[in-house]
Amino acid sequence: MRYVVALTGASGMQYGIRLLEELDGDRELIVSEMGKKVLDQETDLDLEDLEAITEAVYEDDDLFAPPASGTHKFDAMIICPCSQSTMAKIAAGIADTLITRAATVSLKEGRKLILVPRETPLNVIMLENELKLARAGAVILPASPAFYQGPAGMEDMVKFVVGKVLDQLGQEHDLFRRWE
């Protein structure tokens, strides 16, 4: 399996980093300029650390990179975390960055597109963008951890959300206890 993973300027870099660590298969990474700033703000990691756990890293302004083309085969794209700005661009059909272009490719080629927004509260425009994208075939998977498992800390909450992404991809995992 080949995945394109994008990290944008929303808070919640821990979700995207853990996803990169858990995905089985080839991982191609795109980090927006704001995503790089949030990565620096929220973690002790830098882009070089993420390059070590991925097969390829592309600059968000490189519209000649492979994920910009429908002929580049990948199985799914996950934008985690997904800023509302990125979501709005995709919903409006604006493909002016590699992230938004690769998302457009995912939709037009019928590939799985998973968007993990981490914003609250949502205004009407944000909700309409999410609805529009869901109708176009995207999976909207808000970073909403469950508490029925009695999470011991932030790591358990991150694992729950990442596990839900992996469920959407059909990848087996043991990141959280399932409801019985």
C-alpha atoms as a PDB file:
ATOM      1  CA  MET A   1       0.000   0.000   0.000  1.00  0.00           C
ATOM      2  CA  ARG A   2       1.132   3.541  -0.709  1.00  0.00           C
ATOM      3  CA  TYR A   3      -0.181   6.510   1.255  1.00  0.00           C
ATOM      4  CA  VAL A   4       0.177  10.248   0.836  1.00  0.00           C
ATOM      5  CA  VAL A   5       0.110  11.872   4.265  1.00  0.00           C
ATOM      6  CA  ALA A   6      -0.164  15.629   4.638  1.00  0.00           C
ATOM      7  CA  LEU A   7       0.325  17.708   7.770  1.00  0.00           C
ATOM      8  CA  THR A   8      -1.226  21.172   7.656  1.00  0.00           C
ATOM      9  CA  GLY A   9      -1.343  24.152   9.984  1.00  0.00           C
ATOM     10  CA  ALA A  10      -3.981  22.847  12.393  1.00  0.00           C
ATOM     11  CA  SER A  11      -3.078  21.950  15.933  1.00  0.00           C
ATOM     12  CA  GLY A  12      -2.692  18.224  16.533  1.00  0.00           C
ATOM     13  CA  MET A  13       0.646  17.250  15.003  1.00  0.00           C
ATOM     14  CA  GLN A  14       0.779  14.290  17.396  1.00  0.00           C
ATOM     15  CA  TYR A  15      -1.999  12.655  15.372  1.00  0.00           C
ATOM     16  CA  GLY A  16      -0.121  12.940  12.094  1.00  0.00           C
ATOM     17  CA  ILE A  17       3.195  11.820  13.549  1.00  0.00           C
ATOM     18  CA  ARG A  18       1.673   8.754  15.188  1.00  0.00           C
ATOM     19  CA  LEU A  19      -0.148   7.954  11.944  1.00  0.00           C
ATOM     20  CA  LEU A  20       3.156   8.010  10.055  1.00  0.00           C
ATOM     21  CA  GLU A  21       4.612   5.620  12.631  1.00  0.00           C
ATOM     22  CA  GLU A  22       1.676   3.190  12.407  1.00  0.00           C
ATOM     23  CA  LEU A  23       0.942   3.028   8.669  1.00  0.00           C
ATOM     24  CA  ASP A  24       1.929  -0.210   6.965  1.00  0.00           C
ATOM     25  CA  GLY A  25       3.337   0.454   3.519  1.00  0.00           C
ATOM     26  CA  ASP A  26       5.042   3.317   1.736  1.00  0.00           C
ATOM     27  CA  ARG A  27       4.447   6.773   3.170  1.00  0.00           C
ATOM     28  CA  GLU A  28       4.865   9.909   1.100  1.00  0.00           C
ATOM     29  CA  LEU A  29       4.800  13.093   3.174  1.00  0.00           C
ATOM     30  CA  ILE A  30       3.825  16.681   2.415  1.00  0.00           C
ATOM     31  CA  VAL A  31       3.996  19.337   5.132  1.00  0.00           C
ATOM     32  CA  SER A  32       2.551  22.791   4.508  1.00  0.00           C
ATOM     33  CA  GLU A  33       4.521  25.884   5.536  1.00  0.00           C
ATOM     34  CA  MET A  34       2.131  26.469   8.444  1.00  0.00           C
ATOM     35  CA  GLY A  35       2.357  22.765   9.248  1.00  0.00           C
ATOM     36  CA  LYS A  36       6.118  23.159   9.684  1.00  0.00           C
ATOM     37  CA  LYS A  37       5.521  26.000  12.123  1.00  0.00           C
ATOM     38  CA  VAL A  38       2.960  24.017  14.104  1.00  0.00           C
ATOM     39  CA  LEU A  39       5.309  21.007  14.116  1.00  0.00           C
ATOM     40  CA  ASP A  40       7.969  23.237  15.671  1.00  0.00           C
ATOM     41  CA  GLN A  41       5.488  24.720  18.153  1.00  0.00           C
ATOM     42  CA  GLU A  42       3.894  21.470  19.319  1.00  0.00           C
ATOM     43  CA  THR A  43       6.758  18.959  19.198  1.00  0.00           C
ATOM     44  CA  ASP A  44      10.484  18.550  19.647  1.00  0.00           C
ATOM     45  CA  LEU A  45      10.708  17.122  16.121  1.00  0.00           C
ATOM     46  CA  ASP A  46      11.712  18.710  12.854  1.00  0.00           C
ATOM     47  CA  LEU A  47      11.135  17.757   9.229  1.00  0.00           C
ATOM     48  CA  GLU A  48      14.324  15.683   9.145  1.00  0.00           C
ATOM     49  CA  ASP A  49      12.929  13.475  11.931  1.00  0.00           C
ATOM     50  CA  LEU A  50       9.834  12.815   9.828  1.00  0.00           C
ATOM     51  CA  GLU A  51      11.928  12.141   6.719  1.00  0.00           C
ATOM     52  CA  ALA A  52      13.514   9.250   8.635  1.00  0.00           C
ATOM     53  CA  ILE A  53      10.137   7.460   8.921  1.00  0.00           C
ATOM     54  CA  THR A  54       8.857   8.098   5.385  1.00  0.00           C
ATOM     55  CA  GLU A  55       9.850   6.938   1.928  1.00  0.00           C
ATOM     56  CA  ALA A  56       9.516  10.362   0.272  1.00  0.00           C
ATOM     57  CA  VAL A  57       8.988  13.974   1.334  1.00  0.00           C
ATOM     58  CA  TYR A  58       7.721  16.655  -1.036  1.00  0.00           C
ATOM     59  CA  GLU A  59       7.515  20.416  -0.696  1.00  0.00           C
ATOM     60  CA  ASP A  60       3.985  21.774  -0.690  1.00  0.00           C
ATOM     61  CA  ASP A  61       4.816  24.256  -3.455  1.00  0.00           C
ATOM     62  CA  ASP A  62       6.135  21.529  -5.800  1.00  0.00           C
ATOM     63  CA  LEU A  63       3.255  20.931  -8.196  1.00  0.00           C
ATOM     64  CA  PHE A  64       5.570  18.753 -10.311  1.00  0.00           C
ATOM     65  CA  ALA A  65       5.923  16.184  -7.482  1.00  0.00           C
ATOM     66  CA  PRO A  66       4.414  12.759  -8.211  1.00  0.00           C
ATOM     67  CA  PRO A  67       1.261  13.081  -5.998  1.00  0.00           C
ATOM     68  CA  ALA A  68       0.108  15.995  -8.205  1.00  0.00           C
ATOM     69  CA  SER A  69      -0.668  13.570 -11.029  1.00  0.00           C
ATOM     70  CA  GLY A  70      -3.466  11.066 -11.365  1.00  0.00           C
ATOM     71  CA  THR A  71      -1.002   8.701 -13.011  1.00  0.00           C
ATOM     72  CA  HIS A  72       0.978   8.466  -9.754  1.00  0.00           C
ATOM     73  CA  LYS A  73      -0.523   5.464  -8.005  1.00  0.00           C
ATOM     74  CA  PHE A  74      -1.297   5.740  -4.307  1.00  0.00           C
ATOM     75  CA  ASP A  75      -4.017   3.993  -2.364  1.00  0.00           C
ATOM     76  CA  ALA A  76      -5.173   6.772  -0.063  1.00  0.00           C
ATOM     77  CA  MET A  77      -4.416  10.287   1.102  1.00  0.00           C
ATOM     78  CA  ILE A  78      -4.756  11.324   4.709  1.00  0.00           C
ATOM     79  CA  ILE A  79      -4.559  14.977   5.776  1.00  0.00           C
ATOM     80  CA  CYS A  80      -3.921  14.791   9.496  1.00  0.00           C
ATOM     81  CA  PRO A  81      -4.287  17.314  10.973  1.00  0.00           C
ATOM     82  CA  CYS A  82      -6.341  19.127   8.356  1.00  0.00           C
ATOM     83  CA  SER A  83      -6.748  22.869   8.781  1.00  0.00           C
ATOM     84  CA  GLN A  84     -10.084  24.439   7.930  1.00  0.00           C
ATOM     85  CA  SER A  85      -8.250  26.574   5.362  1.00  0.00           C
ATOM     86  CA  THR A  86      -7.040  23.439   3.559  1.00  0.00           C
ATOM     87  CA  MET A  87     -10.504  21.909   3.810  1.00  0.00           C
ATOM     88  CA  ALA A  88     -12.077  25.062   2.343  1.00  0.00           C
ATOM     89  CA  LYS A  89      -9.671  25.080  -0.598  1.00  0.00           C
ATOM     90  CA  ILE A  90     -10.350  21.426  -1.397  1.00  0.00           C
ATOM     91  CA  ALA A  91     -14.126  21.969  -1.099  1.00  0.00           C
ATOM     92  CA  ALA A  92     -13.895  24.933  -3.488  1.00  0.00           C
ATOM     93  CA  GLY A  93     -11.765  23.026  -5.993  1.00  0.00           C
ATOM     94  CA  ILE A  94      -8.688  25.179  -5.394  1.00  0.00           C
ATOM     95  CA  ALA A  95      -5.611  23.064  -6.120  1.00  0.00           C
ATOM     96  CA  ASP A  96      -2.850  25.649  -5.740  1.00  0.00           C
ATOM     97  CA  THR A  97      -0.554  23.623  -3.453  1.00  0.00           C
ATOM     98  CA  LEU A  98       0.647  20.045  -3.629  1.00  0.00           C
ATOM     99  CA  ILE A  99      -1.594  19.129  -0.688  1.00  0.00           C
ATOM    100  CA  THR A 100      -4.748  20.534  -2.268  1.00  0.00           C
ATOM    101  CA  ARG A 101      -3.802  19.161  -5.707  1.00  0.00           C
ATOM    102  CA  ALA A 102      -3.138  15.653  -4.331  1.00  0.00           C
ATOM    103  CA  ALA A 103      -6.491  15.806  -2.501  1.00  0.00           C
ATOM    104  CA  THR A 104      -8.187  16.766  -5.766  1.00  0.00           C
ATOM    105  CA  VAL A 105      -6.409  13.869  -7.484  1.00  0.00           C
ATOM    106  CA  SER A 106      -7.696  11.531  -4.765  1.00  0.00           C
ATOM    107  CA  LEU A 107     -11.274  12.639  -5.346  1.00  0.00           C
ATOM    108  CA  LYS A 108     -11.138  12.631  -9.143  1.00  0.00           C
ATOM    109  CA  GLU A 109      -9.443   9.222  -9.281  1.00  0.00           C
ATOM    110  CA  GLY A 110     -11.858   7.690  -6.762  1.00  0.00           C
ATOM    111  CA  ARG A 111      -9.166   7.086  -4.169  1.00  0.00           C
ATOM    112  CA  LYS A 112      -9.778   7.282  -0.457  1.00  0.00           C
ATOM    113  CA  LEU A 113      -9.322  10.772   0.997  1.00  0.00           C
ATOM    114  CA  ILE A 114      -9.421  11.049   4.788  1.00  0.00           C
ATOM    115  CA  LEU A 115      -9.520  14.513   6.351  1.00  0.00           C
ATOM    116  CA  VAL A 116      -8.843  14.833  10.089  1.00  0.00           C
ATOM    117  CA  PRO A 117      -9.941  18.310  11.173  1.00  0.00           C
ATOM    118  CA  ARG A 118      -9.013  19.513  14.641  1.00  0.00           C
ATOM    119  CA  GLU A 119     -11.051  22.652  15.117  1.00  0.00           C
ATOM    120  CA  THR A 120     -13.852  23.604  17.463  1.00  0.00           C
ATOM    121  CA  PRO A 121     -16.379  25.102  17.379  1.00  0.00           C
ATOM    122  CA  LEU A 122     -17.316  24.908  13.710  1.00  0.00           C
ATOM    123  CA  ASN A 123     -19.136  27.686  11.928  1.00  0.00           C
ATOM    124  CA  VAL A 124     -21.723  27.132   9.187  1.00  0.00           C
ATOM    125  CA  ILE A 125     -19.159  27.595   6.404  1.00  0.00           C
ATOM    126  CA  MET A 126     -16.873  24.949   7.907  1.00  0.00           C
ATOM    127  CA  LEU A 127     -19.787  22.522   8.300  1.00  0.00           C
ATOM    128  CA  GLU A 128     -20.895  23.124   4.704  1.00  0.00           C
ATOM    129  CA  ASN A 129     -17.346  22.510   3.446  1.00  0.00           C
ATOM    130  CA  GLU A 130     -17.188  19.224   5.366  1.00  0.00           C
ATOM    131  CA  LEU A 131     -20.601  18.186   4.022  1.00  0.00           C
ATOM    132  CA  LYS A 132     -19.603  19.082   0.461  1.00  0.00           C
ATOM    133  CA  LEU A 133     -16.419  17.006   0.762  1.00  0.00           C
ATOM    134  CA  ALA A 134     -18.262  14.069   2.334  1.00  0.00           C
ATOM    135  CA  ARG A 135     -20.721  14.147  -0.572  1.00  0.00           C
ATOM    136  CA  ALA A 136     -17.746  14.152  -2.973  1.00  0.00           C
ATOM    137  CA  GLY A 137     -16.439  10.965  -1.362  1.00  0.00           C
ATOM    138  CA  ALA A 138     -14.042  12.177   1.328  1.00  0.00           C
ATOM    139  CA  VAL A 139     -14.098  10.732   4.826  1.00  0.00           C
ATOM    140  CA  ILE A 140     -14.377  13.467   7.451  1.00  0.00           C
ATOM    141  CA  LEU A 141     -12.834  12.031  10.618  1.00  0.00           C
ATOM    142  CA  PRO A 142     -12.680  14.705  13.332  1.00  0.00           C
ATOM    143  CA  ALA A 143      -9.966  14.304  15.941  1.00  0.00           C
ATOM    144  CA  SER A 144     -12.493  13.336  18.616  1.00  0.00           C
ATOM    145  CA  PRO A 145     -11.047  10.812  21.050  1.00  0.00           C
ATOM    146  CA  ALA A 146     -13.334   8.438  22.964  1.00  0.00           C
ATOM    147  CA  PHE A 147     -13.382   8.243  26.736  1.00  0.00           C
ATOM    148  CA  TYR A 148     -15.214   4.934  27.295  1.00  0.00           C
ATOM    149  CA  GLN A 149     -11.817   3.239  27.402  1.00  0.00           C
ATOM    150  CA  GLY A 150     -10.638   5.353  30.309  1.00  0.00           C
ATOM    151  CA  PRO A 151      -7.611   6.896  28.592  1.00  0.00           C
ATOM    152  CA  ALA A 152      -4.619   7.225  30.916  1.00  0.00           C
ATOM    153  CA  GLY A 153      -3.328  10.285  29.099  1.00  0.00           C
ATOM    154  CA  MET A 154      -2.860  12.141  25.861  1.00  0.00           C
ATOM    155  CA  GLU A 155      -1.102   9.222  24.169  1.00  0.00           C
ATOM    156  CA  ASP A 156      -4.184   7.018  24.578  1.00  0.00           C
ATOM    157  CA  MET A 157      -6.368   9.736  23.062  1.00  0.00           C
ATOM    158  CA  VAL A 158      -3.979  10.107  20.106  1.00  0.00           C
ATOM    159  CA  LYS A 159      -3.920   6.339  19.604  1.00  0.00           C
ATOM    160  CA  PHE A 160      -7.733   6.233  19.475  1.00  0.00           C
ATOM    161  CA  VAL A 161      -7.965   8.805  16.675  1.00  0.00           C
ATOM    162  CA  VAL A 162      -5.093   7.227  14.724  1.00  0.00           C
ATOM    163  CA  GLY A 163      -6.733   3.826  15.170  1.00  0.00           C
ATOM    164  CA  LYS A 164      -9.948   5.191  13.670  1.00  0.00           C
ATOM    165  CA  VAL A 165      -7.956   6.380  10.624  1.00  0.00           C
ATOM    166  CA  LEU A 166      -6.361   2.938  10.308  1.00  0.00           C
ATOM    167  CA  ASP A 167      -9.841   1.367  10.515  1.00  0.00           C
ATOM    168  CA  GLN A 168     -10.871   3.472   7.500  1.00  0.00           C
ATOM    169  CA  LEU A 169      -7.848   2.137   5.620  1.00  0.00           C
ATOM    170  CA  GLY A 170      -8.580  -1.475   6.573  1.00  0.00           C
ATOM    171  CA  GLN A 171      -5.306  -1.814   8.499  1.00  0.00           C
ATOM    172  CA  GLU A 172      -5.308  -4.073  11.554  1.00  0.00           C
ATOM    173  CA  HIS A 173      -4.078  -2.506  14.786  1.00  0.00           C
ATOM    174  CA  ASP A 174      -4.294  -2.760  18.545  1.00  0.00           C
ATOM    175  CA  LEU A 175      -4.144   0.942  19.369  1.00  0.00           C
ATOM    176  CA  PHE A 176      -7.352   0.911  21.412  1.00  0.00           C
ATOM    177  CA  ARG A 177      -9.736  -1.511  23.058  1.00  0.00           C
ATOM    178  CA  ARG A 178     -12.784  -2.132  20.917  1.00  0.00           C
ATOM    179  CA  TRP A 179     -16.310  -1.887  22.297  1.00  0.00           C
ATOM    180  CA  GLU A 180     -17.536  -5.340  23.305  1.00  0.00           C
END
